[in-house]
């Protein structure tokens, strides 16, 4: 990736490059501030600072972005931010403009192919159920929503008047490793015990679960029960008692299946 008007081999060089890259990426519209940093980012920084071929490191980063749910547009914009940082002097003041159109075509091609490769593999091995919790996958929920929207259209009524999405998103910022996985398993067990009448329960993200349920007289009582049982189950585990009562709320379904799928993507990043 050339030209490279600045390099550094001090212990702080990686940190300095990473900070400038992150600032440029956020300024150019990176939509997931808390998920930008990764081990693959550091590998890219170390690679370009050592003046090595960046393609292997960029390939790994692009695959990691795809696995994390980042879109291709965001991934390429992030690449443009890195290119801008590497081609603007370190003493430059002010924000650095990231322009994907000036990134070398070879780097764009490698990044896009690596990102697409992950998506193809995910589609080829898509599962109906989440292997950890046993709940439905978000892909299945998207398919179920398509059926729900078709049903509502045929009946001539708004989908939101018949169905609602119940979202459970515990604060797992202070949990790591097995504790985080245990929290999701406990919550899935609670939800399965409360919603056992044909509702669709699905894992939306690493810390978010959604339930597609009909609007009926039992809805408010079921949501209150989920709050009580979830808090009680999490309090038993000394590693999870700080989570407290997980937020549980009703999310109104938007107009149209496409907008509903976008909503699931947004909720999955909570």
C-alpha atoms as a PDB file:
ATOM      1  CA  UNK A   1       0.000   0.000   0.000  1.00  0.00           C
ATOM      2  CA  UNK A   2       1.959   2.998  -1.204  1.00  0.00           C
ATOM      3  CA  UNK A   3       2.969   5.732  -0.896  1.00  0.00           C
ATOM      4  CA  UNK A   4       3.833   5.575   2.790  1.00  0.00           C
ATOM      5  CA  UNK A   5       4.931   9.039   3.922  1.00  0.00           C
ATOM      6  CA  UNK A   6       5.241   7.995   7.531  1.00  0.00           C
ATOM      7  CA  UNK A   7       6.394   4.949   9.408  1.00  0.00           C
ATOM      8  CA  UNK A   8       7.399   4.249  12.955  1.00  0.00           C
ATOM      9  CA  UNK A   9       9.264   1.549  14.765  1.00  0.00           C
ATOM     10  CA  UNK A  10       8.778   2.831  18.319  1.00  0.00           C
ATOM     11  CA  UNK A  11       6.675   0.841  20.821  1.00  0.00           C
ATOM     12  CA  UNK A  12       3.890   3.391  20.316  1.00  0.00           C
ATOM     13  CA  UNK A  13       3.862   3.206  16.528  1.00  0.00           C
ATOM     14  CA  UNK A  14       1.069   0.651  16.297  1.00  0.00           C
ATOM     15  CA  UNK A  15      -1.017   2.584  18.805  1.00  0.00           C
ATOM     16  CA  UNK A  16      -0.519   5.841  16.904  1.00  0.00           C
ATOM     17  CA  UNK A  17      -1.438   4.327  13.563  1.00  0.00           C
ATOM     18  CA  UNK A  18      -4.429   2.512  15.017  1.00  0.00           C
ATOM     19  CA  UNK A  19      -5.694   5.708  16.671  1.00  0.00           C
ATOM     20  CA  UNK A  20      -5.401   7.755  13.462  1.00  0.00           C
ATOM     21  CA  UNK A  21      -7.066   4.994  11.464  1.00  0.00           C
ATOM     22  CA  UNK A  22      -9.938   4.667  13.940  1.00  0.00           C
ATOM     23  CA  UNK A  23     -10.471   8.425  14.017  1.00  0.00           C
ATOM     24  CA  UNK A  24     -10.566   8.601  10.215  1.00  0.00           C
ATOM     25  CA  UNK A  25     -12.906   5.612   9.997  1.00  0.00           C
ATOM     26  CA  UNK A  26     -15.348   6.994  12.558  1.00  0.00           C
ATOM     27  CA  UNK A  27     -15.288  10.390  10.862  1.00  0.00           C
ATOM     28  CA  UNK A  28     -16.136   8.764   7.532  1.00  0.00           C
ATOM     29  CA  UNK A  29     -19.221   7.110   8.981  1.00  0.00           C
ATOM     30  CA  UNK A  30     -18.173   3.782  10.547  1.00  0.00           C
ATOM     31  CA  UNK A  31     -21.486   2.754  12.197  1.00  0.00           C
ATOM     32  CA  UNK A  32     -20.222   0.432  14.941  1.00  0.00           C
ATOM     33  CA  UNK A  33     -17.804   2.431  17.164  1.00  0.00           C
ATOM     34  CA  UNK A  34     -17.576  -0.243  19.874  1.00  0.00           C
ATOM     35  CA  UNK A  35     -16.793  -2.991  17.357  1.00  0.00           C
ATOM     36  CA  UNK A  36     -14.074  -1.300  15.313  1.00  0.00           C
ATOM     37  CA  UNK A  37     -11.091  -2.527  17.315  1.00  0.00           C
ATOM     38  CA  UNK A  38      -9.975  -6.107  16.741  1.00  0.00           C
ATOM     39  CA  UNK A  39      -6.826  -8.215  16.750  1.00  0.00           C
ATOM     40  CA  UNK A  40      -6.907  -8.132  12.949  1.00  0.00           C
ATOM     41  CA  UNK A  41      -6.691  -4.322  13.031  1.00  0.00           C
ATOM     42  CA  UNK A  42      -3.485  -4.532  15.037  1.00  0.00           C
ATOM     43  CA  UNK A  43      -2.093  -7.100  12.597  1.00  0.00           C
ATOM     44  CA  UNK A  44      -2.713  -4.729   9.689  1.00  0.00           C
ATOM     45  CA  UNK A  45      -0.992  -1.903  11.559  1.00  0.00           C
ATOM     46  CA  UNK A  46       2.019  -4.056  12.395  1.00  0.00           C
ATOM     47  CA  UNK A  47       2.233  -5.257   8.798  1.00  0.00           C
ATOM     48  CA  UNK A  48       2.201  -1.848   7.125  1.00  0.00           C
ATOM     49  CA  UNK A  49       4.606  -0.393   9.696  1.00  0.00           C
ATOM     50  CA  UNK A  50       7.020  -3.227   8.919  1.00  0.00           C
ATOM     51  CA  UNK A  51       6.624  -2.428   5.206  1.00  0.00           C
ATOM     52  CA  UNK A  52       5.408  -5.964   4.490  1.00  0.00           C
ATOM     53  CA  UNK A  53       2.812  -7.080   1.954  1.00  0.00           C
ATOM     54  CA  UNK A  54      -0.515  -5.942   3.495  1.00  0.00           C
ATOM     55  CA  UNK A  55      -2.740  -8.305   1.500  1.00  0.00           C
ATOM     56  CA  UNK A  56      -2.693 -11.288   3.937  1.00  0.00           C
ATOM     57  CA  UNK A  57      -3.465  -9.019   6.895  1.00  0.00           C
ATOM     58  CA  UNK A  58      -6.180  -7.136   5.014  1.00  0.00           C
ATOM     59  CA  UNK A  59      -7.708 -10.452   3.964  1.00  0.00           C
ATOM     60  CA  UNK A  60      -7.927 -11.554   7.589  1.00  0.00           C
ATOM     61  CA  UNK A  61      -9.411  -8.215   8.620  1.00  0.00           C
ATOM     62  CA  UNK A  62     -12.024  -8.321   5.868  1.00  0.00           C
ATOM     63  CA  UNK A  63     -13.077 -11.815   6.879  1.00  0.00           C
ATOM     64  CA  UNK A  64     -13.316 -10.737  10.504  1.00  0.00           C
ATOM     65  CA  UNK A  65     -15.485  -7.758   9.501  1.00  0.00           C
ATOM     66  CA  UNK A  66     -17.821 -10.053   7.563  1.00  0.00           C
ATOM     67  CA  UNK A  67     -18.105 -12.510  10.461  1.00  0.00           C
ATOM     68  CA  UNK A  68     -18.941  -9.593  12.778  1.00  0.00           C
ATOM     69  CA  UNK A  69     -21.829  -8.586  10.530  1.00  0.00           C
ATOM     70  CA  UNK A  70     -20.270  -5.512   8.928  1.00  0.00           C
ATOM     71  CA  UNK A  71     -21.500  -4.724   5.434  1.00  0.00           C
ATOM     72  CA  UNK A  72     -19.249  -4.532   2.398  1.00  0.00           C
ATOM     73  CA  UNK A  73     -19.755  -0.769   2.099  1.00  0.00           C
ATOM     74  CA  UNK A  74     -18.566  -0.218   5.683  1.00  0.00           C
ATOM     75  CA  UNK A  75     -15.623  -2.588   5.180  1.00  0.00           C
ATOM     76  CA  UNK A  76     -14.452  -0.760   2.059  1.00  0.00           C
ATOM     77  CA  UNK A  77     -14.935   2.638   3.702  1.00  0.00           C
ATOM     78  CA  UNK A  78     -12.763   1.465   6.591  1.00  0.00           C
ATOM     79  CA  UNK A  79     -10.114   0.385   4.065  1.00  0.00           C
ATOM     80  CA  UNK A  80     -10.309   3.861   2.518  1.00  0.00           C
ATOM     81  CA  UNK A  81      -9.744   5.392   5.955  1.00  0.00           C
ATOM     82  CA  UNK A  82      -6.582   3.321   6.384  1.00  0.00           C
ATOM     83  CA  UNK A  83      -5.359   4.289   2.920  1.00  0.00           C
ATOM     84  CA  UNK A  84      -5.988   7.977   3.671  1.00  0.00           C
ATOM     85  CA  UNK A  85      -4.068   7.769   6.945  1.00  0.00           C
ATOM     86  CA  UNK A  86      -1.118   6.081   5.257  1.00  0.00           C
ATOM     87  CA  UNK A  87      -0.959   8.638   2.465  1.00  0.00           C
ATOM     88  CA  UNK A  88      -1.406  11.795   4.564  1.00  0.00           C
ATOM     89  CA  UNK A  89       1.546  12.980   6.679  1.00  0.00           C
ATOM     90  CA  UNK A  90       1.303  12.231  10.380  1.00  0.00           C
ATOM     91  CA  UNK A  91       1.675  15.945  11.159  1.00  0.00           C
ATOM     92  CA  UNK A  92      -1.472  16.730   9.188  1.00  0.00           C
ATOM     93  CA  UNK A  93      -4.000  18.594  11.352  1.00  0.00           C
ATOM     94  CA  UNK A  94      -7.745  18.116  11.109  1.00  0.00           C
ATOM     95  CA  UNK A  95      -9.880  15.282   9.802  1.00  0.00           C
ATOM     96  CA  UNK A  96      -8.599  13.079   6.999  1.00  0.00           C
ATOM     97  CA  UNK A  97     -10.982  12.473   4.103  1.00  0.00           C
ATOM     98  CA  UNK A  98     -11.453   8.778   3.295  1.00  0.00           C
ATOM     99  CA  UNK A  99     -12.254   8.298  -0.365  1.00  0.00           C
ATOM    100  CA  UNK A 100     -12.791   4.689  -1.560  1.00  0.00           C
ATOM    101  CA  UNK A 101     -12.360   5.804  -5.167  1.00  0.00           C
ATOM    102  CA  UNK A 102      -8.642   6.490  -4.669  1.00  0.00           C
ATOM    103  CA  UNK A 103      -7.823   3.176  -3.010  1.00  0.00           C
ATOM    104  CA  UNK A 104      -5.814   0.911  -5.346  1.00  0.00           C
ATOM    105  CA  UNK A 105      -8.105  -1.459  -7.221  1.00  0.00           C
ATOM    106  CA  UNK A 106      -6.051  -4.473  -6.155  1.00  0.00           C
ATOM    107  CA  UNK A 107      -6.652  -3.789  -2.458  1.00  0.00           C
ATOM    108  CA  UNK A 108     -10.360  -3.248  -3.025  1.00  0.00           C
ATOM    109  CA  UNK A 109     -10.573  -6.506  -4.956  1.00  0.00           C
ATOM    110  CA  UNK A 110      -8.784  -8.510  -2.262  1.00  0.00           C
ATOM    111  CA  UNK A 111     -10.886  -6.996   0.515  1.00  0.00           C
ATOM    112  CA  UNK A 112     -14.179  -7.516  -1.308  1.00  0.00           C
ATOM    113  CA  UNK A 113     -13.365 -11.120  -2.247  1.00  0.00           C
ATOM    114  CA  UNK A 114     -12.382 -12.008   1.318  1.00  0.00           C
ATOM    115  CA  UNK A 115     -15.571 -10.415   2.672  1.00  0.00           C
ATOM    116  CA  UNK A 116     -17.731 -12.215   0.089  1.00  0.00           C
ATOM    117  CA  UNK A 117     -16.035 -15.549   0.774  1.00  0.00           C
ATOM    118  CA  UNK A 118     -17.245 -15.473   4.379  1.00  0.00           C
ATOM    119  CA  UNK A 119     -20.798 -14.674   3.303  1.00  0.00           C
ATOM    120  CA  UNK A 120     -20.831 -17.517   0.791  1.00  0.00           C
ATOM    121  CA  UNK A 121     -19.596 -19.963   3.422  1.00  0.00           C
ATOM    122  CA  UNK A 122     -22.194 -18.748   5.915  1.00  0.00           C
ATOM    123  CA  UNK A 123     -24.979 -19.234   3.375  1.00  0.00           C
ATOM    124  CA  UNK A 124     -23.734 -22.700   2.484  1.00  0.00           C
ATOM    125  CA  UNK A 125     -23.661 -23.766   6.131  1.00  0.00           C
ATOM    126  CA  UNK A 126     -26.660 -21.817   7.404  1.00  0.00           C
ATOM    127  CA  UNK A 127     -28.414 -23.559  10.266  1.00  0.00           C
ATOM    128  CA  UNK A 128     -32.042 -23.176  11.287  1.00  0.00           C
ATOM    129  CA  UNK A 129     -31.107 -23.264  14.984  1.00  0.00           C
ATOM    130  CA  UNK A 130     -28.370 -21.572  16.998  1.00  0.00           C
ATOM    131  CA  UNK A 131     -25.985 -24.293  18.205  1.00  0.00           C
ATOM    132  CA  UNK A 132     -25.387 -22.684  21.614  1.00  0.00           C
ATOM    133  CA  UNK A 133     -28.891 -21.825  22.799  1.00  0.00           C
ATOM    134  CA  UNK A 134     -31.050 -24.074  20.649  1.00  0.00           C
ATOM    135  CA  UNK A 135     -33.102 -21.060  19.604  1.00  0.00           C
ATOM    136  CA  UNK A 136     -33.819 -20.242  15.978  1.00  0.00           C
ATOM    137  CA  UNK A 137     -31.187 -18.435  13.933  1.00  0.00           C
ATOM    138  CA  UNK A 138     -31.765 -14.887  12.746  1.00  0.00           C
ATOM    139  CA  UNK A 139     -31.920 -16.278   9.197  1.00  0.00           C
ATOM    140  CA  UNK A 140     -34.915 -18.395  10.181  1.00  0.00           C
ATOM    141  CA  UNK A 141     -36.580 -15.401  11.848  1.00  0.00           C
ATOM    142  CA  UNK A 142     -36.175 -13.402   8.640  1.00  0.00           C
ATOM    143  CA  UNK A 143     -37.897 -16.206   6.733  1.00  0.00           C
ATOM    144  CA  UNK A 144     -40.632 -16.399   9.362  1.00  0.00           C
ATOM    145  CA  UNK A 145     -41.196 -12.659   9.095  1.00  0.00           C
ATOM    146  CA  UNK A 146     -41.613 -12.968   5.340  1.00  0.00           C
ATOM    147  CA  UNK A 147     -44.458 -15.401   5.970  1.00  0.00           C
ATOM    148  CA  UNK A 148     -45.987 -13.097   8.585  1.00  0.00           C
ATOM    149  CA  UNK A 149     -45.917 -10.099   6.258  1.00  0.00           C
ATOM    150  CA  UNK A 150     -47.476 -12.124   3.445  1.00  0.00           C
ATOM    151  CA  UNK A 151     -50.187 -13.330   5.792  1.00  0.00           C
ATOM    152  CA  UNK A 152     -50.966  -9.780   6.918  1.00  0.00           C
ATOM    153  CA  UNK A 153     -51.013  -8.474   3.343  1.00  0.00           C
ATOM    154  CA  UNK A 154     -53.452 -11.188   2.309  1.00  0.00           C
ATOM    155  CA  UNK A 155     -55.695 -10.337   5.266  1.00  0.00           C
ATOM    156  CA  UNK A 156     -55.487  -6.624   4.510  1.00  0.00           C
ATOM    157  CA  UNK A 157     -54.254  -5.672   7.993  1.00  0.00           C
ATOM    158  CA  UNK A 158     -50.972  -4.098   9.198  1.00  0.00           C
ATOM    159  CA  UNK A 159     -48.477  -6.671  10.460  1.00  0.00           C
ATOM    160  CA  UNK A 160     -47.779  -4.588  13.556  1.00  0.00           C
ATOM    161  CA  UNK A 161     -51.415  -4.914  14.613  1.00  0.00           C
ATOM    162  CA  UNK A 162     -51.085  -8.697  14.832  1.00  0.00           C
ATOM    163  CA  UNK A 163     -47.460  -9.316  15.813  1.00  0.00           C
ATOM    164  CA  UNK A 164     -44.747  -7.721  17.910  1.00  0.00           C
ATOM    165  CA  UNK A 165     -41.046  -8.370  18.461  1.00  0.00           C
ATOM    166  CA  UNK A 166     -39.995  -8.833  22.083  1.00  0.00           C
ATOM    167  CA  UNK A 167     -36.329  -7.975  22.595  1.00  0.00           C
ATOM    168  CA  UNK A 168     -34.108  -9.108  25.461  1.00  0.00           C
ATOM    169  CA  UNK A 169     -30.707  -7.394  25.563  1.00  0.00           C
ATOM    170  CA  UNK A 170     -28.794  -7.872  28.836  1.00  0.00           C
ATOM    171  CA  UNK A 171     -25.830  -5.652  29.629  1.00  0.00           C
ATOM    172  CA  UNK A 172     -22.960  -8.096  29.175  1.00  0.00           C
ATOM    173  CA  UNK A 173     -20.169  -5.538  28.932  1.00  0.00           C
ATOM    174  CA  UNK A 174     -18.596  -6.804  32.167  1.00  0.00           C
ATOM    175  CA  UNK A 175     -18.858 -10.480  31.282  1.00  0.00           C
ATOM    176  CA  UNK A 176     -16.344 -12.398  29.197  1.00  0.00           C
ATOM    177  CA  UNK A 177     -15.730 -15.890  27.922  1.00  0.00           C
ATOM    178  CA  UNK A 178     -17.919 -18.627  29.346  1.00  0.00           C
ATOM    179  CA  UNK A 179     -19.849 -16.233  31.577  1.00  0.00           C
ATOM    180  CA  UNK A 180     -21.180 -14.410  28.542  1.00  0.00           C
ATOM    181  CA  UNK A 181     -22.179 -17.691  26.900  1.00  0.00           C
ATOM    182  CA  UNK A 182     -23.777 -18.883  30.141  1.00  0.00           C
ATOM    183  CA  UNK A 183     -25.900 -15.741  30.309  1.00  0.00           C
ATOM    184  CA  UNK A 184     -27.274 -16.353  26.819  1.00  0.00           C
ATOM    185  CA  UNK A 185     -28.024 -20.003  27.635  1.00  0.00           C
ATOM    186  CA  UNK A 186     -29.855 -19.044  30.856  1.00  0.00           C
ATOM    187  CA  UNK A 187     -31.895 -16.377  29.089  1.00  0.00           C
ATOM    188  CA  UNK A 188     -32.811 -18.712  26.245  1.00  0.00           C
ATOM    189  CA  UNK A 189     -34.032 -21.256  28.800  1.00  0.00           C
ATOM    190  CA  UNK A 190     -36.179 -18.613  30.505  1.00  0.00           C
ATOM    191  CA  UNK A 191     -37.684 -17.452  27.213  1.00  0.00           C
ATOM    192  CA  UNK A 192     -38.371 -21.014  26.094  1.00  0.00           C
ATOM    193  CA  UNK A 193     -40.240 -21.711  29.326  1.00  0.00           C
ATOM    194  CA  UNK A 194     -42.390 -18.577  28.994  1.00  0.00           C
ATOM    195  CA  UNK A 195     -43.017 -18.591  25.238  1.00  0.00           C
ATOM    196  CA  UNK A 196     -43.928 -22.168  24.380  1.00  0.00           C
ATOM    197  CA  UNK A 197     -47.035 -21.658  22.295  1.00  0.00           C
ATOM    198  CA  UNK A 198     -45.643 -21.414  18.802  1.00  0.00           C
ATOM    199  CA  UNK A 199     -43.819 -18.074  19.064  1.00  0.00           C
ATOM    200  CA  UNK A 200     -40.524 -17.776  17.187  1.00  0.00           C
ATOM    201  CA  UNK A 201     -37.502 -17.340  19.471  1.00  0.00           C
ATOM    202  CA  UNK A 202     -34.247 -16.356  17.788  1.00  0.00           C
ATOM    203  CA  UNK A 203     -30.726 -15.196  18.603  1.00  0.00           C
ATOM    204  CA  UNK A 204     -30.300 -11.774  16.984  1.00  0.00           C
ATOM    205  CA  UNK A 205     -26.683 -11.128  18.035  1.00  0.00           C
ATOM    206  CA  UNK A 206     -23.993 -12.076  20.538  1.00  0.00           C
ATOM    207  CA  UNK A 207     -26.016 -10.528  23.379  1.00  0.00           C
ATOM    208  CA  UNK A 208     -29.550 -10.097  22.027  1.00  0.00           C
ATOM    209  CA  UNK A 209     -32.532 -12.438  21.743  1.00  0.00           C
ATOM    210  CA  UNK A 210     -35.803 -11.696  19.970  1.00  0.00           C
ATOM    211  CA  UNK A 211     -39.243 -13.283  20.174  1.00  0.00           C
ATOM    212  CA  UNK A 212     -41.793 -12.875  17.399  1.00  0.00           C
ATOM    213  CA  UNK A 213     -45.115 -13.173  19.201  1.00  0.00           C
ATOM    214  CA  UNK A 214     -48.764 -12.408  18.470  1.00  0.00           C
ATOM    215  CA  UNK A 215     -50.362  -9.435  20.180  1.00  0.00           C
ATOM    216  CA  UNK A 216     -52.743 -11.025  22.676  1.00  0.00           C
ATOM    217  CA  UNK A 217     -54.042 -10.604  26.198  1.00  0.00           C
ATOM    218  CA  UNK A 218     -51.144 -12.628  27.642  1.00  0.00           C
ATOM    219  CA  UNK A 219     -48.381 -10.485  26.129  1.00  0.00           C
ATOM    220  CA  UNK A 220     -47.810  -8.013  28.988  1.00  0.00           C
ATOM    221  CA  UNK A 221     -47.904 -10.761  31.605  1.00  0.00           C
ATOM    222  CA  UNK A 222     -45.420 -12.863  29.668  1.00  0.00           C
ATOM    223  CA  UNK A 223     -42.976  -9.941  29.368  1.00  0.00           C
ATOM    224  CA  UNK A 224     -43.196  -9.275  33.129  1.00  0.00           C
ATOM    225  CA  UNK A 225     -42.556 -12.961  33.829  1.00  0.00           C
ATOM    226  CA  UNK A 226     -39.481 -12.934  31.600  1.00  0.00           C
ATOM    227  CA  UNK A 227     -38.035  -9.994  33.555  1.00  0.00           C
ATOM    228  CA  UNK A 228     -38.576 -11.685  36.922  1.00  0.00           C
ATOM    229  CA  UNK A 229     -37.308 -15.121  35.915  1.00  0.00           C
ATOM    230  CA  UNK A 230     -34.310 -13.755  34.020  1.00  0.00           C
ATOM    231  CA  UNK A 231     -33.187 -11.622  36.965  1.00  0.00           C
ATOM    232  CA  UNK A 232     -33.589 -14.572  39.338  1.00  0.00           C
ATOM    233  CA  UNK A 233     -31.662 -16.996  37.141  1.00  0.00           C
ATOM    234  CA  UNK A 234     -28.801 -14.575  36.491  1.00  0.00           C
ATOM    235  CA  UNK A 235     -28.526 -13.656  40.195  1.00  0.00           C
ATOM    236  CA  UNK A 236     -27.721 -17.251  41.132  1.00  0.00           C
ATOM    237  CA  UNK A 237     -24.445 -17.197  39.197  1.00  0.00           C
ATOM    238  CA  UNK A 238     -21.773 -15.137  41.022  1.00  0.00           C
ATOM    239  CA  UNK A 239     -20.287 -14.163  37.659  1.00  0.00           C
ATOM    240  CA  UNK A 240     -23.616 -12.882  36.350  1.00  0.00           C
ATOM    241  CA  UNK A 241     -25.406 -11.290  39.307  1.00  0.00           C
ATOM    242  CA  UNK A 242     -24.097  -7.858  38.277  1.00  0.00           C
ATOM    243  CA  UNK A 243     -26.119  -8.101  35.073  1.00  0.00           C
ATOM    244  CA  UNK A 244     -29.262  -7.460  37.114  1.00  0.00           C
ATOM    245  CA  UNK A 245     -32.664  -7.275  35.452  1.00  0.00           C
ATOM    246  CA  UNK A 246     -32.046  -7.455  31.694  1.00  0.00           C
ATOM    247  CA  UNK A 247     -33.853  -4.880  29.549  1.00  0.00           C
ATOM    248  CA  UNK A 248     -36.927  -6.411  27.917  1.00  0.00           C
ATOM    249  CA  UNK A 249     -39.047  -4.323  25.582  1.00  0.00           C
ATOM    250  CA  UNK A 250     -41.574  -4.496  22.768  1.00  0.00           C
ATOM    251  CA  UNK A 251     -40.313  -3.459  19.342  1.00  0.00           C
ATOM    252  CA  UNK A 252     -43.020  -2.460  16.882  1.00  0.00           C
ATOM    253  CA  UNK A 253     -42.607  -4.102  13.491  1.00  0.00           C
ATOM    254  CA  UNK A 254     -42.023  -1.639  10.636  1.00  0.00           C
ATOM    255  CA  UNK A 255     -43.861  -1.496   7.334  1.00  0.00           C
ATOM    256  CA  UNK A 256     -42.468  -4.107   4.988  1.00  0.00           C
ATOM    257  CA  UNK A 257     -40.277  -7.190   5.276  1.00  0.00           C
ATOM    258  CA  UNK A 258     -37.121  -5.408   4.093  1.00  0.00           C
ATOM    259  CA  UNK A 259     -37.382  -2.800   6.853  1.00  0.00           C
ATOM    260  CA  UNK A 260     -38.005  -5.573   9.389  1.00  0.00           C
ATOM    261  CA  UNK A 261     -34.785  -7.329   8.329  1.00  0.00           C
ATOM    262  CA  UNK A 262     -32.886  -4.066   8.733  1.00  0.00           C
ATOM    263  CA  UNK A 263     -34.349  -3.760  12.220  1.00  0.00           C
ATOM    264  CA  UNK A 264     -33.091  -7.252  13.102  1.00  0.00           C
ATOM    265  CA  UNK A 265     -29.618  -6.257  11.931  1.00  0.00           C
ATOM    266  CA  UNK A 266     -29.656  -3.130  14.102  1.00  0.00           C
ATOM    267  CA  UNK A 267     -30.858  -5.067  17.148  1.00  0.00           C
ATOM    268  CA  UNK A 268     -28.201  -7.717  16.600  1.00  0.00           C
ATOM    269  CA  UNK A 269     -25.480  -5.099  17.087  1.00  0.00           C
ATOM    270  CA  UNK A 270     -26.707  -3.942  20.490  1.00  0.00           C
END
